[in-house]
Amino acid sequence: MAHIKIGTRASALALAQADAVAQLLRELGHTAELVPIKTCGDHVLDRPLHEIGSKGLFTEELERALLSNAVDVAVHSLKDLPTELTRGLKVVAYMLPEDRRDVMITGGSALADLRPGTVVGTSSLRRAAFIRAWRPDLEIAPIRGNLLTRLEKWQKGQVDALVLAAAGLLRMGRGHLITEYLDPERIVPSPGQGILAVEVGQHRSDLMPIAAALNDEPLQVIAQTERAVLHELGSGCQVPLGAYAAWTDADHMRVIVQAASCDGRKMLRRTVECTRADSLAVGHALGRYLKSEGALALIAEMEGG
């Protein structure tokens, strides 16, 4: 049995996620310890994420620790990982899916019933764009900080409402604050949202089978299908793009993609049903469709290009 050092971001949510992975490793007979690491995205809190300029805002420091053997494995929120992994590293396990939808926290009204002018806080360009497309009469306010910090800002009245990932709230025991689960057919989640990824150095043949024992294979198919969409656009996680795959039975899935301009006025969308065998090819095809229909122009618009 092995003693495994797990690299993780230092936020309360990241630590909770990594601890869940550690518990599973212990159940398999290993010992495990968490090694918290501050990332670029954790240090820079005074600017929106898309302005900081890195596609690995929450992962680069963890990956350096993997390559130097300072940690044995790294646990990431999959949506934070760029589609092009650092050379020498591999995601070996996709695991512990939580509810993958976005949610509203308002203290009362559902999104459709919010008063015009209600201030909705989010750090996500995607959430902001999709909500503007549905409710252009709302005011979207950028709000940074970890999950608990954002909740505190809402509780103090700095914003009237929040839109967040359900997964983080549920993992932190804050599910009772959720006012509404948003329909993933309309507010399409980020590729990989709600999924944890375990990354290992390819030079660590001793750890590969240990981490692989944690893998959820049907979840891996979903994750790789969604990330294939993102890969075709050559983009990181901070773009107004959603991709959501869900099994309709043991061998068939439904895949939804959606991209929007930041103001929500331009929208691209497509839905495809496919078999497991075709899912990865469908993900790539949907990414190429978005590209052919002008999604890169929407992204360039967001980037000031």
C-alpha atoms as a PDB file:
ATOM      1  CA  MET A   1       0.000   0.000   0.000  1.00  0.00           C
ATOM      2  CA  ALA A   2       1.152   3.548  -0.725  1.00  0.00           C
ATOM      3  CA  HIS A   3       1.295   6.852   1.115  1.00  0.00           C
ATOM      4  CA  ILE A   4      -0.099   9.438  -1.296  1.00  0.00           C
ATOM      5  CA  LYS A   5       0.420  13.202  -1.130  1.00  0.00           C
ATOM      6  CA  ILE A   6      -2.568  14.913  -2.751  1.00  0.00           C
ATOM      7  CA  GLY A   7      -1.991  18.362  -4.229  1.00  0.00           C
ATOM      8  CA  THR A   8      -4.996  20.665  -4.013  1.00  0.00           C
ATOM      9  CA  ARG A   9      -5.917  24.306  -4.066  1.00  0.00           C
ATOM     10  CA  ALA A  10      -6.126  25.788  -0.591  1.00  0.00           C
ATOM     11  CA  SER A  11      -9.755  26.962  -0.704  1.00  0.00           C
ATOM     12  CA  ALA A  12     -12.287  25.342   1.602  1.00  0.00           C
ATOM     13  CA  LEU A  13     -14.137  23.811  -1.354  1.00  0.00           C
ATOM     14  CA  ALA A  14     -10.971  22.431  -2.967  1.00  0.00           C
ATOM     15  CA  LEU A  15      -9.871  20.935   0.338  1.00  0.00           C
ATOM     16  CA  ALA A  16     -13.275  19.298   0.810  1.00  0.00           C
ATOM     17  CA  GLN A  17     -13.074  17.818  -2.692  1.00  0.00           C
ATOM     18  CA  ALA A  18      -9.539  16.534  -2.200  1.00  0.00           C
ATOM     19  CA  ASP A  19     -10.474  15.078   1.177  1.00  0.00           C
ATOM     20  CA  ALA A  20     -13.272  13.084  -0.486  1.00  0.00           C
ATOM     21  CA  VAL A  21     -10.668  11.599  -2.838  1.00  0.00           C
ATOM     22  CA  ALA A  22      -8.357  10.903   0.128  1.00  0.00           C
ATOM     23  CA  GLN A  23     -11.144   9.019   1.902  1.00  0.00           C
ATOM     24  CA  LEU A  24     -11.641   6.764  -1.118  1.00  0.00           C
ATOM     25  CA  LEU A  25      -7.919   6.063  -1.294  1.00  0.00           C
ATOM     26  CA  ARG A  26      -7.940   5.142   2.400  1.00  0.00           C
ATOM     27  CA  GLU A  27     -10.832   2.755   1.761  1.00  0.00           C
ATOM     28  CA  LEU A  28      -8.607   1.058  -0.803  1.00  0.00           C
ATOM     29  CA  GLY A  29      -5.974   0.558   1.909  1.00  0.00           C
ATOM     30  CA  HIS A  30      -3.645   3.484   1.178  1.00  0.00           C
ATOM     31  CA  THR A  31      -2.720   6.407   3.408  1.00  0.00           C
ATOM     32  CA  ALA A  32      -3.176   9.950   2.136  1.00  0.00           C
ATOM     33  CA  GLU A  33      -2.417  13.528   3.133  1.00  0.00           C
ATOM     34  CA  LEU A  34      -3.510  16.827   1.595  1.00  0.00           C
ATOM     35  CA  VAL A  35      -0.905  19.340   0.402  1.00  0.00           C
ATOM     36  CA  PRO A  36      -2.616  22.750  -0.067  1.00  0.00           C
ATOM     37  CA  ILE A  37      -1.081  24.946  -2.786  1.00  0.00           C
ATOM     38  CA  LYS A  38      -1.999  28.547  -3.635  1.00  0.00           C
ATOM     39  CA  THR A  39      -2.583  29.129  -7.349  1.00  0.00           C
ATOM     40  CA  CYS A  40      -2.502  32.265  -9.488  1.00  0.00           C
ATOM     41  CA  GLY A  41      -6.290  32.437  -9.497  1.00  0.00           C
ATOM     42  CA  ASP A  42      -6.304  32.335  -5.690  1.00  0.00           C
ATOM     43  CA  HIS A  43      -3.814  35.198  -5.370  1.00  0.00           C
ATOM     44  CA  VAL A  44      -5.331  37.667  -7.871  1.00  0.00           C
ATOM     45  CA  LEU A  45      -8.775  38.625  -6.575  1.00  0.00           C
ATOM     46  CA  ASP A  46      -9.160  42.199  -7.809  1.00  0.00           C
ATOM     47  CA  ARG A  47      -9.752  41.401 -11.500  1.00  0.00           C
ATOM     48  CA  PRO A  48     -12.201  39.220 -13.434  1.00  0.00           C
ATOM     49  CA  LEU A  49     -10.751  35.800 -14.226  1.00  0.00           C
ATOM     50  CA  HIS A  50     -10.703  36.343 -18.006  1.00  0.00           C
ATOM     51  CA  GLU A  51      -8.528  39.455 -17.581  1.00  0.00           C
ATOM     52  CA  ILE A  52      -5.717  37.673 -15.716  1.00  0.00           C
ATOM     53  CA  GLY A  53      -4.549  36.058 -18.934  1.00  0.00           C
ATOM     54  CA  SER A  54      -3.726  32.445 -18.083  1.00  0.00           C
ATOM     55  CA  LYS A  55      -5.583  29.308 -19.103  1.00  0.00           C
ATOM     56  CA  GLY A  56      -4.244  27.492 -16.050  1.00  0.00           C
ATOM     57  CA  LEU A  57      -5.287  29.959 -13.373  1.00  0.00           C
ATOM     58  CA  PHE A  58      -6.092  27.271 -10.831  1.00  0.00           C
ATOM     59  CA  THR A  59      -3.842  24.464 -12.068  1.00  0.00           C
ATOM     60  CA  GLU A  60      -0.334  25.582 -13.077  1.00  0.00           C
ATOM     61  CA  GLU A  61       1.171  25.526  -9.594  1.00  0.00           C
ATOM     62  CA  LEU A  62      -0.354  22.116  -8.876  1.00  0.00           C
ATOM     63  CA  GLU A  63       1.060  20.732 -12.099  1.00  0.00           C
ATOM     64  CA  ARG A  64       4.536  22.049 -11.286  1.00  0.00           C
ATOM     65  CA  ALA A  65       4.310  20.263  -7.938  1.00  0.00           C
ATOM     66  CA  LEU A  66       3.396  17.029  -9.763  1.00  0.00           C
ATOM     67  CA  LEU A  67       6.320  17.288 -12.154  1.00  0.00           C
ATOM     68  CA  SER A  68       8.771  17.926  -9.291  1.00  0.00           C
ATOM     69  CA  ASN A  69       7.304  15.070  -7.196  1.00  0.00           C
ATOM     70  CA  ALA A  70       6.390  17.522  -4.427  1.00  0.00           C
ATOM     71  CA  VAL A  71       2.967  15.848  -4.612  1.00  0.00           C
ATOM     72  CA  ASP A  72       1.955  12.446  -5.978  1.00  0.00           C
ATOM     73  CA  VAL A  73      -1.434  13.289  -7.473  1.00  0.00           C
ATOM     74  CA  ALA A  74      -3.417  16.493  -7.964  1.00  0.00           C
ATOM     75  CA  VAL A  75      -7.172  16.860  -7.570  1.00  0.00           C
ATOM     76  CA  HIS A  76      -8.820  19.486  -9.765  1.00  0.00           C
ATOM     77  CA  SER A  77     -12.289  20.675 -10.565  1.00  0.00           C
ATOM     78  CA  LEU A  78     -12.273  19.406 -14.146  1.00  0.00           C
ATOM     79  CA  LYS A  79     -13.687  22.639 -15.529  1.00  0.00           C
ATOM     80  CA  ASP A  80     -10.547  24.452 -14.334  1.00  0.00           C
ATOM     81  CA  LEU A  81      -8.198  22.246 -16.384  1.00  0.00           C
ATOM     82  CA  PRO A  82      -7.167  23.501 -19.828  1.00  0.00           C
ATOM     83  CA  THR A  83      -7.917  21.009 -22.590  1.00  0.00           C
ATOM     84  CA  GLU A  84      -4.210  20.859 -23.462  1.00  0.00           C
ATOM     85  CA  LEU A  85      -2.569  19.313 -20.421  1.00  0.00           C
ATOM     86  CA  THR A  86       0.997  20.071 -19.443  1.00  0.00           C
ATOM     87  CA  ARG A  87       3.431  17.690 -21.146  1.00  0.00           C
ATOM     88  CA  GLY A  88       4.190  14.672 -18.979  1.00  0.00           C
ATOM     89  CA  LEU A  89       0.890  14.741 -17.075  1.00  0.00           C
ATOM     90  CA  LYS A  90      -2.303  12.731 -17.496  1.00  0.00           C
ATOM     91  CA  VAL A  91      -5.812  12.735 -16.038  1.00  0.00           C
ATOM     92  CA  VAL A  92      -6.193   9.166 -14.803  1.00  0.00           C
ATOM     93  CA  ALA A  93      -9.535   9.367 -12.990  1.00  0.00           C
ATOM     94  CA  TYR A  94     -12.788  11.242 -13.537  1.00  0.00           C
ATOM     95  CA  MET A  95     -14.844  10.893 -10.420  1.00  0.00           C
ATOM     96  CA  LEU A  96     -17.341  11.959  -7.746  1.00  0.00           C
ATOM     97  CA  PRO A  97     -19.850  13.787  -9.931  1.00  0.00           C
ATOM     98  CA  GLU A  98     -22.102  16.161  -8.048  1.00  0.00           C
ATOM     99  CA  ASP A  99     -25.223  17.858  -9.452  1.00  0.00           C
ATOM    100  CA  ARG A 100     -23.863  19.480 -12.606  1.00  0.00           C
ATOM    101  CA  ARG A 101     -26.369  22.304 -12.992  1.00  0.00           C
ATOM    102  CA  ASP A 102     -26.046  25.986 -12.180  1.00  0.00           C
ATOM    103  CA  VAL A 103     -28.260  27.385  -9.442  1.00  0.00           C
ATOM    104  CA  MET A 104     -29.683  30.695  -8.282  1.00  0.00           C
ATOM    105  CA  ILE A 105     -29.448  31.984  -4.740  1.00  0.00           C
ATOM    106  CA  THR A 106     -31.906  34.823  -4.269  1.00  0.00           C
ATOM    107  CA  GLY A 107     -33.495  34.253  -0.889  1.00  0.00           C
ATOM    108  CA  GLY A 108     -36.892  34.105  -2.561  1.00  0.00           C
ATOM    109  CA  SER A 109     -37.732  34.495  -6.253  1.00  0.00           C
ATOM    110  CA  ALA A 110     -36.787  32.228  -9.124  1.00  0.00           C
ATOM    111  CA  LEU A 111     -34.748  33.712 -11.975  1.00  0.00           C
ATOM    112  CA  ALA A 112     -37.814  34.226 -14.176  1.00  0.00           C
ATOM    113  CA  ASP A 113     -39.539  36.192 -11.408  1.00  0.00           C
ATOM    114  CA  LEU A 114     -36.729  38.538 -10.363  1.00  0.00           C
ATOM    115  CA  ARG A 115     -37.554  42.238 -10.590  1.00  0.00           C
ATOM    116  CA  PRO A 116     -35.951  44.192 -13.472  1.00  0.00           C
ATOM    117  CA  GLY A 117     -32.719  45.748 -12.278  1.00  0.00           C
ATOM    118  CA  THR A 118     -31.980  42.989  -9.758  1.00  0.00           C
ATOM    119  CA  VAL A 119     -28.198  42.741  -9.299  1.00  0.00           C
ATOM    120  CA  VAL A 120     -26.961  39.193  -9.980  1.00  0.00           C
ATOM    121  CA  GLY A 121     -23.381  38.376  -9.003  1.00  0.00           C
ATOM    122  CA  THR A 122     -21.186  35.918 -10.908  1.00  0.00           C
ATOM    123  CA  SER A 123     -17.518  35.514 -11.795  1.00  0.00           C
ATOM    124  CA  SER A 124     -18.384  33.458 -14.902  1.00  0.00           C
ATOM    125  CA  LEU A 125     -18.608  34.986 -18.383  1.00  0.00           C
ATOM    126  CA  ARG A 126     -20.714  32.011 -19.458  1.00  0.00           C
ATOM    127  CA  ARG A 127     -23.287  32.420 -16.700  1.00  0.00           C
ATOM    128  CA  ALA A 128     -23.418  36.162 -17.253  1.00  0.00           C
ATOM    129  CA  ALA A 129     -23.937  35.813 -21.015  1.00  0.00           C
ATOM    130  CA  PHE A 130     -26.583  33.092 -20.772  1.00  0.00           C
ATOM    131  CA  ILE A 131     -28.539  34.947 -18.091  1.00  0.00           C
ATOM    132  CA  ARG A 132     -28.380  38.177 -20.105  1.00  0.00           C
ATOM    133  CA  ALA A 133     -29.793  36.252 -23.074  1.00  0.00           C
ATOM    134  CA  TRP A 134     -32.752  35.145 -20.960  1.00  0.00           C
ATOM    135  CA  ARG A 135     -33.167  38.193 -18.723  1.00  0.00           C
ATOM    136  CA  PRO A 136     -31.542  41.257 -20.357  1.00  0.00           C
ATOM    137  CA  ASP A 137     -33.315  43.481 -17.809  1.00  0.00           C
ATOM    138  CA  LEU A 138     -31.163  42.213 -14.933  1.00  0.00           C
ATOM    139  CA  GLU A 139     -27.882  43.803 -13.874  1.00  0.00           C
ATOM    140  CA  ILE A 140     -24.899  41.430 -13.860  1.00  0.00           C
ATOM    141  CA  ALA A 141     -22.129  42.285 -11.396  1.00  0.00           C
ATOM    142  CA  PRO A 142     -18.677  40.630 -11.379  1.00  0.00           C
ATOM    143  CA  ILE A 143     -17.982  39.025  -8.016  1.00  0.00           C
ATOM    144  CA  ARG A 144     -14.710  37.246  -7.172  1.00  0.00           C
ATOM    145  CA  GLY A 145     -13.511  35.211  -4.227  1.00  0.00           C
ATOM    146  CA  ASN A 146     -13.935  31.642  -3.106  1.00  0.00           C
ATOM    147  CA  LEU A 147     -17.380  30.164  -2.597  1.00  0.00           C
ATOM    148  CA  LEU A 148     -17.730  31.205   1.032  1.00  0.00           C
ATOM    149  CA  THR A 149     -16.554  34.749   0.241  1.00  0.00           C
ATOM    150  CA  ARG A 150     -19.143  35.111  -2.512  1.00  0.00           C
ATOM    151  CA  LEU A 151     -21.884  33.836  -0.231  1.00  0.00           C
ATOM    152  CA  GLU A 152     -20.818  36.346   2.416  1.00  0.00           C
ATOM    153  CA  LYS A 153     -20.980  39.203  -0.110  1.00  0.00           C
ATOM    154  CA  TRP A 154     -24.546  38.174  -0.994  1.00  0.00           C
ATOM    155  CA  GLN A 155     -25.518  37.903   2.662  1.00  0.00           C
ATOM    156  CA  LYS A 156     -24.155  41.416   3.238  1.00  0.00           C
ATOM    157  CA  GLY A 157     -26.270  42.766   0.375  1.00  0.00           C
ATOM    158  CA  GLN A 158     -23.455  43.583  -2.050  1.00  0.00           C
ATOM    159  CA  VAL A 159     -25.517  41.758  -4.693  1.00  0.00           C
ATOM    160  CA  ASP A 160     -29.188  40.766  -4.690  1.00  0.00           C
ATOM    161  CA  ALA A 161     -28.617  37.279  -6.043  1.00  0.00           C
ATOM    162  CA  LEU A 162     -25.884  34.827  -6.985  1.00  0.00           C
ATOM    163  CA  VAL A 163     -25.585  32.280  -9.758  1.00  0.00           C
ATOM    164  CA  LEU A 164     -23.213  29.446  -8.861  1.00  0.00           C
ATOM    165  CA  ALA A 165     -22.465  25.799  -9.581  1.00  0.00           C
ATOM    166  CA  ALA A 166     -24.676  23.456  -7.590  1.00  0.00           C
ATOM    167  CA  ALA A 167     -21.734  21.105  -7.059  1.00  0.00           C
ATOM    168  CA  GLY A 168     -19.723  23.463  -4.874  1.00  0.00           C
ATOM    169  CA  LEU A 169     -22.663  24.396  -2.686  1.00  0.00           C
ATOM    170  CA  LEU A 170     -23.640  20.773  -2.144  1.00  0.00           C
ATOM    171  CA  ARG A 171     -20.069  19.680  -1.407  1.00  0.00           C
ATOM    172  CA  MET A 172     -19.782  22.474   1.175  1.00  0.00           C
ATOM    173  CA  GLY A 173     -23.094  21.624   2.841  1.00  0.00           C
ATOM    174  CA  ARG A 174     -24.769  24.832   1.641  1.00  0.00           C
ATOM    175  CA  GLY A 175     -27.461  23.212  -0.490  1.00  0.00           C
ATOM    176  CA  HIS A 176     -30.185  24.701   1.735  1.00  0.00           C
ATOM    177  CA  LEU A 177     -29.349  28.144   0.270  1.00  0.00           C
ATOM    178  CA  ILE A 178     -30.305  27.116  -3.269  1.00  0.00           C
ATOM    179  CA  THR A 179     -33.437  28.882  -4.497  1.00  0.00           C
ATOM    180  CA  GLU A 180     -33.607  27.294  -7.954  1.00  0.00           C
ATOM    181  CA  TYR A 181     -31.778  24.710 -10.038  1.00  0.00           C
ATOM    182  CA  LEU A 182     -31.398  26.164 -13.538  1.00  0.00           C
ATOM    183  CA  ASP A 183     -32.434  24.089 -16.553  1.00  0.00           C
ATOM    184  CA  PRO A 184     -29.217  22.825 -18.232  1.00  0.00           C
ATOM    185  CA  GLU A 185     -31.017  23.043 -21.571  1.00  0.00           C
ATOM    186  CA  ARG A 186     -31.155  26.835 -21.163  1.00  0.00           C
ATOM    187  CA  ILE A 187     -28.257  27.739 -18.864  1.00  0.00           C
ATOM    188  CA  VAL A 188     -25.909  25.121 -20.319  1.00  0.00           C
ATOM    189  CA  PRO A 189     -23.176  24.179 -17.808  1.00  0.00           C
ATOM    190  CA  SER A 190     -19.458  24.571 -18.379  1.00  0.00           C
ATOM    191  CA  PRO A 191     -17.662  21.554 -19.906  1.00  0.00           C
ATOM    192  CA  GLY A 192     -16.715  19.236 -17.045  1.00  0.00           C
ATOM    193  CA  GLN A 193     -18.693  21.122 -14.419  1.00  0.00           C
ATOM    194  CA  GLY A 194     -19.303  19.136 -11.236  1.00  0.00           C
ATOM    195  CA  ILE A 195     -16.624  16.521 -12.041  1.00  0.00           C
ATOM    196  CA  LEU A 196     -13.345  15.976 -10.185  1.00  0.00           C
ATOM    197  CA  ALA A 197     -10.179  15.050 -12.088  1.00  0.00           C
ATOM    198  CA  VAL A 198      -7.191  13.217 -10.632  1.00  0.00           C
ATOM    199  CA  GLU A 199      -3.980  14.091 -12.476  1.00  0.00           C
ATOM    200  CA  VAL A 200      -0.734  12.114 -12.252  1.00  0.00           C
ATOM    201  CA  GLY A 201       2.725  12.442 -13.766  1.00  0.00           C
ATOM    202  CA  GLN A 202       3.246   9.975 -16.581  1.00  0.00           C
ATOM    203  CA  HIS A 203       6.619   9.105 -15.023  1.00  0.00           C
ATOM    204  CA  ARG A 204       4.810   7.747 -11.942  1.00  0.00           C
ATOM    205  CA  SER A 205       4.019   4.224 -13.085  1.00  0.00           C
ATOM    206  CA  ASP A 206       3.675   3.262  -9.420  1.00  0.00           C
ATOM    207  CA  LEU A 207       0.709   5.624  -8.995  1.00  0.00           C
ATOM    208  CA  MET A 208      -1.112   5.125 -12.287  1.00  0.00           C
ATOM    209  CA  PRO A 209      -3.011   1.963 -11.264  1.00  0.00           C
ATOM    210  CA  ILE A 210      -3.807   3.393  -7.833  1.00  0.00           C
ATOM    211  CA  ALA A 211      -5.403   6.520  -9.304  1.00  0.00           C
ATOM    212  CA  ALA A 212      -7.047   4.575 -12.137  1.00  0.00           C
ATOM    213  CA  ALA A 213      -8.926   2.484  -9.565  1.00  0.00           C
ATOM    214  CA  LEU A 214     -10.905   5.646  -8.749  1.00  0.00           C
ATOM    215  CA  ASN A 215     -12.083   6.231 -12.317  1.00  0.00           C
ATOM    216  CA  ASP A 216     -15.806   6.349 -13.179  1.00  0.00           C
ATOM    217  CA  GLU A 217     -15.805   5.157 -16.807  1.00  0.00           C
ATOM    218  CA  PRO A 218     -19.286   6.417 -17.851  1.00  0.00           C
ATOM    219  CA  LEU A 219     -18.390   9.783 -16.336  1.00  0.00           C
ATOM    220  CA  GLN A 220     -15.110   9.771 -18.251  1.00  0.00           C
ATOM    221  CA  VAL A 221     -17.034   9.427 -21.518  1.00  0.00           C
ATOM    222  CA  ILE A 222     -19.199  12.423 -20.590  1.00  0.00           C
ATOM    223  CA  ALA A 223     -16.185  14.501 -19.552  1.00  0.00           C
ATOM    224  CA  GLN A 224     -14.161  13.740 -22.667  1.00  0.00           C
ATOM    225  CA  THR A 225     -17.148  14.450 -24.933  1.00  0.00           C
ATOM    226  CA  GLU A 226     -17.713  17.863 -23.371  1.00  0.00           C
ATOM    227  CA  ARG A 227     -14.036  18.752 -23.387  1.00  0.00           C
ATOM    228  CA  ALA A 228     -13.738  17.760 -27.057  1.00  0.00           C
ATOM    229  CA  VAL A 229     -16.052  20.691 -27.820  1.00  0.00           C
ATOM    230  CA  LEU A 230     -13.744  23.061 -25.963  1.00  0.00           C
ATOM    231  CA  HIS A 231     -10.644  21.546 -27.560  1.00  0.00           C
ATOM    232  CA  GLU A 232     -11.873  22.399 -31.064  1.00  0.00           C
ATOM    233  CA  LEU A 233     -12.179  26.061 -30.073  1.00  0.00           C
ATOM    234  CA  GLY A 234      -8.711  26.131 -28.546  1.00  0.00           C
ATOM    235  CA  SER A 235     -10.025  27.801 -25.413  1.00  0.00           C
ATOM    236  CA  GLY A 236      -9.624  27.597 -21.662  1.00  0.00           C
ATOM    237  CA  CYS A 237     -12.379  27.633 -19.094  1.00  0.00           C
ATOM    238  CA  GLN A 238     -13.111  31.373 -19.079  1.00  0.00           C
ATOM    239  CA  VAL A 239     -15.246  31.677 -22.206  1.00  0.00           C
ATOM    240  CA  PRO A 240     -19.018  32.079 -22.715  1.00  0.00           C
ATOM    241  CA  LEU A 241     -19.447  28.472 -23.793  1.00  0.00           C
ATOM    242  CA  GLY A 242     -21.503  25.621 -22.381  1.00  0.00           C
ATOM    243  CA  ALA A 243     -21.329  21.905 -23.236  1.00  0.00           C
ATOM    244  CA  TYR A 244     -23.447  19.343 -21.433  1.00  0.00           C
ATOM    245  CA  ALA A 245     -23.640  15.588 -22.092  1.00  0.00           C
ATOM    246  CA  ALA A 246     -26.018  13.262 -20.254  1.00  0.00           C
ATOM    247  CA  TRP A 247     -26.799   9.576 -20.645  1.00  0.00           C
ATOM    248  CA  THR A 248     -30.301   8.786 -21.894  1.00  0.00           C
ATOM    249  CA  ASP A 249     -29.684   5.052 -21.441  1.00  0.00           C
ATOM    250  CA  ALA A 250     -26.659   2.782 -21.003  1.00  0.00           C
ATOM    251  CA  ASP A 251     -25.427   3.342 -24.557  1.00  0.00           C
ATOM    252  CA  HIS A 252     -26.886   6.671 -25.714  1.00  0.00           C
ATOM    253  CA  MET A 253     -26.310  10.273 -24.704  1.00  0.00           C
ATOM    254  CA  ARG A 254     -27.651  13.713 -25.462  1.00  0.00           C
ATOM    255  CA  VAL A 255     -25.112  16.498 -26.016  1.00  0.00           C
ATOM    256  CA  ILE A 256     -25.987  20.202 -25.897  1.00  0.00           C
ATOM    257  CA  VAL A 257     -23.610  23.019 -26.843  1.00  0.00           C
ATOM    258  CA  GLN A 258     -24.212  26.727 -26.539  1.00  0.00           C
ATOM    259  CA  ALA A 259     -22.027  29.803 -27.053  1.00  0.00           C
ATOM    260  CA  ALA A 260     -22.977  33.437 -26.660  1.00  0.00           C
ATOM    261  CA  SER A 261     -21.657  36.938 -26.931  1.00  0.00           C
ATOM    262  CA  CYS A 262     -20.974  38.528 -23.568  1.00  0.00           C
ATOM    263  CA  ASP A 263     -24.070  40.727 -23.864  1.00  0.00           C
ATOM    264  CA  GLY A 264     -26.215  37.669 -24.592  1.00  0.00           C
ATOM    265  CA  ARG A 265     -27.536  39.074 -27.862  1.00  0.00           C
ATOM    266  CA  LYS A 266     -25.838  36.534 -30.132  1.00  0.00           C
ATOM    267  CA  MET A 267     -26.372  32.858 -29.429  1.00  0.00           C
ATOM    268  CA  LEU A 268     -25.208  29.649 -31.091  1.00  0.00           C
ATOM    269  CA  ARG A 269     -26.724  26.354 -30.043  1.00  0.00           C
ATOM    270  CA  ARG A 270     -27.066  22.736 -31.157  1.00  0.00           C
ATOM    271  CA  THR A 271     -28.276  19.461 -29.622  1.00  0.00           C
ATOM    272  CA  VAL A 272     -27.282  15.975 -30.833  1.00  0.00           C
ATOM    273  CA  GLU A 273     -28.150  12.467 -29.666  1.00  0.00           C
ATOM    274  CA  CYS A 274     -25.498   9.806 -30.201  1.00  0.00           C
ATOM    275  CA  THR A 275     -24.169   6.431 -29.110  1.00  0.00           C
ATOM    276  CA  ARG A 276     -21.319   5.877 -26.660  1.00  0.00           C
ATOM    277  CA  ALA A 277     -19.067   4.800 -29.535  1.00  0.00           C
ATOM    278  CA  ASP A 278     -19.689   8.052 -31.412  1.00  0.00           C
ATOM    279  CA  SER A 279     -19.638  10.417 -28.434  1.00  0.00           C
ATOM    280  CA  LEU A 280     -16.069  11.705 -28.739  1.00  0.00           C
ATOM    281  CA  ALA A 281     -16.415  12.295 -32.477  1.00  0.00           C
ATOM    282  CA  VAL A 282     -19.693  14.105 -31.834  1.00  0.00           C
ATOM    283  CA  GLY A 283     -18.016  16.362 -29.264  1.00  0.00           C
ATOM    284  CA  HIS A 284     -15.350  17.340 -31.778  1.00  0.00           C
ATOM    285  CA  ALA A 285     -17.970  17.822 -34.511  1.00  0.00           C
ATOM    286  CA  LEU A 286     -20.017  20.111 -32.275  1.00  0.00           C
ATOM    287  CA  GLY A 287     -16.917  22.161 -31.511  1.00  0.00           C
ATOM    288  CA  ARG A 288     -16.233  22.488 -35.244  1.00  0.00           C
ATOM    289  CA  TYR A 289     -19.859  23.488 -35.798  1.00  0.00           C
ATOM    290  CA  LEU A 290     -19.575  26.290 -33.245  1.00  0.00           C
ATOM    291  CA  LYS A 291     -16.334  27.429 -34.857  1.00  0.00           C
ATOM    292  CA  SER A 292     -17.877  27.431 -38.344  1.00  0.00           C
ATOM    293  CA  GLU A 293     -20.839  29.449 -37.100  1.00  0.00           C
ATOM    294  CA  GLY A 294     -18.702  32.196 -35.570  1.00  0.00           C
ATOM    295  CA  ALA A 295     -18.018  31.136 -31.982  1.00  0.00           C
ATOM    296  CA  LEU A 296     -14.387  32.232 -32.269  1.00  0.00           C
ATOM    297  CA  ALA A 297     -15.584  35.733 -33.113  1.00  0.00           C
ATOM    298  CA  LEU A 298     -17.648  35.749 -29.915  1.00  0.00           C
ATOM    299  CA  ILE A 299     -14.595  34.648 -27.937  1.00  0.00           C
ATOM    300  CA  ALA A 300     -12.395  37.264 -29.638  1.00  0.00           C
ATOM    301  CA  GLU A 301     -15.018  39.862 -28.756  1.00  0.00           C
ATOM    302  CA  MET A 302     -14.765  38.781 -25.108  1.00  0.00           C
ATOM    303  CA  GLU A 303     -10.966  38.936 -25.235  1.00  0.00           C
ATOM    304  CA  GLY A 304     -10.993  42.362 -26.800  1.00  0.00           C
ATOM    305  CA  GLY A 305      -9.710  40.936 -30.083  1.00  0.00           C
END
